[in-house]
Protein backbone atom coordinates (compact mmCIF):
# COMPACT_ATOMS: atom_id res chain seq x y z
CA MET A 1 -0.14 -0.01 0.21
CA ALA A 2 1.71 3.17 -0.98
CA GLU A 3 1.68 5.93 1.42
CA CYS A 4 0.72 9.74 0.93
CA TRP A 5 3.48 11.14 2.54
CA PRO A 6 6.76 10.15 0.10
CA ASN A 7 9.16 12.30 1.41
CA LEU A 8 8.69 12.45 4.79
CA ARG A 9 11.27 12.82 7.04
CA LYS A 10 12.26 10.42 9.51
CA LEU A 11 12.27 10.80 12.95
CA GLU A 12 16.47 10.95 14.48
CA GLY A 13 15.79 8.52 16.60
CA LEU A 14 14.60 6.76 19.93
CA ASP A 15 15.41 10.33 21.98
CA GLU A 16 13.22 12.57 19.41
CA PHE A 17 10.49 9.72 19.55
CA ARG A 18 10.53 9.78 23.42
CA GLU A 19 10.58 13.61 23.24
CA HIS A 20 7.13 13.62 20.96
CA MET A 21 5.47 11.02 23.08
CA ARG A 22 6.42 13.35 26.38
CA ALA A 23 4.86 16.32 25.25
CA ASN A 24 1.49 15.14 24.11
CA LYS A 25 -2.13 14.92 26.27
CA TRP A 26 -3.19 11.34 26.69
CA GLN A 27 -6.66 10.06 27.71
CA PHE A 28 -7.33 7.10 29.50
CA GLY A 29 -9.34 4.47 27.20
CA LYS A 30 -12.26 4.10 29.38
CA THR A 31 -14.13 1.66 26.80
CA THR A 32 -11.67 -1.29 27.16
CA PRO A 33 -11.14 -1.34 31.08
CA TRP A 34 -10.10 -4.69 30.66
CA ALA A 35 -7.08 -3.60 28.72
CA PRO A 36 -5.74 -0.52 30.37
CA HIS A 37 -4.13 2.07 27.98
CA TRP A 38 -3.70 5.57 26.92
CA TYR A 39 -4.44 7.39 23.54
CA THR A 40 -3.71 10.88 21.87
CA LEU A 41 -4.95 11.72 19.12
CA ARG A 42 -3.93 13.39 15.76
CA LYS A 43 -6.38 16.71 16.64
CA THR A 44 -5.63 17.03 20.05
CA TRP A 45 -1.85 16.56 18.87
CA ARG A 46 0.70 19.03 20.71
CA GLY A 47 -1.22 22.49 18.76
CA SER A 48 -3.49 21.11 16.76
CA GLN A 49 -6.53 21.90 19.51
CA GLU A 50 -6.30 25.84 18.14
CA TRP A 51 -6.42 24.70 14.57
CA TRP A 52 -9.40 22.63 15.30
CA ARG A 53 -11.35 25.60 16.97
CA ARG A 54 -10.76 27.65 14.33
CA GLY A 55 -12.32 25.36 12.08
CA GLN A 56 -8.91 24.39 10.21
CA ARG A 57 -8.32 20.27 10.43
CA THR A 58 -4.53 20.62 12.11
CA ASP A 59 -1.36 22.50 11.82
CA PRO A 60 0.53 21.21 9.21
CA ALA A 61 3.54 20.48 10.80
CA GLU A 62 1.94 18.80 13.26
CA GLN A 63 0.34 16.61 11.07
CA GLU A 64 3.38 15.66 9.43
CA LEU A 65 5.01 15.27 12.85
CA PHE A 66 2.30 12.77 14.13
CA ALA A 67 2.90 10.48 11.08
CA GLN A 68 6.57 10.57 11.27
CA CYS A 69 5.93 9.43 14.82
CA ILE A 70 3.48 6.69 13.58
CA GLN A 71 6.09 6.03 10.98
CA PHE A 72 8.87 5.31 13.39
CA ILE A 73 6.63 2.85 15.34
CA ARG A 74 6.12 0.78 12.10
CA GLU A 75 9.81 0.78 10.82
CA HIS A 76 11.31 -0.06 14.60
CA GLY A 77 8.19 -1.67 16.24
CA GLU A 78 7.91 -5.51 16.59
CA MET A 79 4.92 -7.82 15.32
CA GLU A 80 2.37 -8.78 18.10
CA TRP A 81 -0.86 -10.56 17.98
CA TYR A 82 -3.63 -9.00 20.25
CA GLY A 83 -6.46 -11.70 19.61
CA LYS A 84 -6.68 -12.05 15.93
CA GLU A 85 -5.01 -8.69 15.00
CA PRO A 86 -1.43 -8.37 14.18
CA PHE A 87 0.08 -4.74 15.07
CA LEU A 88 3.28 -3.04 14.99
CA LYS A 89 4.38 -2.29 18.68
CA LEU A 90 7.24 -0.42 20.09
CA ILE A 91 8.59 -0.47 23.42
CA CYS A 92 9.85 2.72 25.01
CA ASP A 93 10.49 3.80 28.42
CA GLY A 94 8.02 1.38 30.37
CA PHE A 95 5.15 2.00 27.70
CA LYS A 96 4.34 -0.28 24.33
CA TYR A 97 2.93 2.02 21.79
CA TRP A 98 0.65 0.79 18.64
CA SER A 99 -1.25 2.67 16.06
CA ASN A 100 -4.44 1.01 14.38
CA GLY A 101 -2.74 0.27 11.10
CA TRP A 102 -4.39 2.63 8.98
CA PRO A 103 -2.73 4.45 5.87
CA LEU A 104 -0.57 7.58 7.77
CA ASP A 105 -2.82 10.36 6.06
CA VAL A 106 -5.97 8.79 7.83
CA CYS A 107 -4.40 7.27 10.99
CA VAL A 108 -5.96 9.31 13.94
CA VAL A 109 -4.74 7.64 17.02
CA ILE A 110 -1.25 6.64 18.75
CA ASN A 111 -1.94 3.82 21.35
CA ARG A 112 -0.01 3.00 24.79
CA ALA A 113 -0.17 0.63 27.79
CA GLU A 114 2.25 0.60 30.71
CA TYR A 115 4.65 -2.24 29.73
CA PRO A 116 5.00 -5.25 30.95
CA SER A 117 1.21 -4.94 31.52
CA PRO A 118 -0.75 -8.45 32.15
CA ALA A 119 -3.86 -7.05 31.20
CA VAL A 120 -2.86 -5.92 27.67
CA ASP A 121 -0.20 -8.74 27.12
CA GLU A 122 -2.55 -11.34 27.57
CA GLY A 123 -4.11 -10.39 24.81
CA ALA A 124 -0.97 -11.28 22.59
CA THR A 125 -1.18 -14.70 21.09
CA GLY A 126 2.29 -14.08 19.32
């Protein structure tokens, strides 16, 4: 599948990824209490909230940064099955990060769970 970000700059490494993950607001996933995790959305990513209030989608630079972080997870993460679904997950600083696997231009969420997490890891079958 071709991505719509052919010239997407790559993050410099784990330190840059870590910095961006720490700079964001994370919301607890209330709909899945059996698999506790948090998420951050493209529309609330860093400075993007103000753009949404003004009726614009998001700051283009922040959209690109969101995509860069997802791409970093996909390039450096490891495949893990959760139930019957495969996910690329990246472990960093006591958390496991993943996205929903959609193309970068439509992916709207980055998830994270504490690692190790018996509740989340029990769903892993691979």
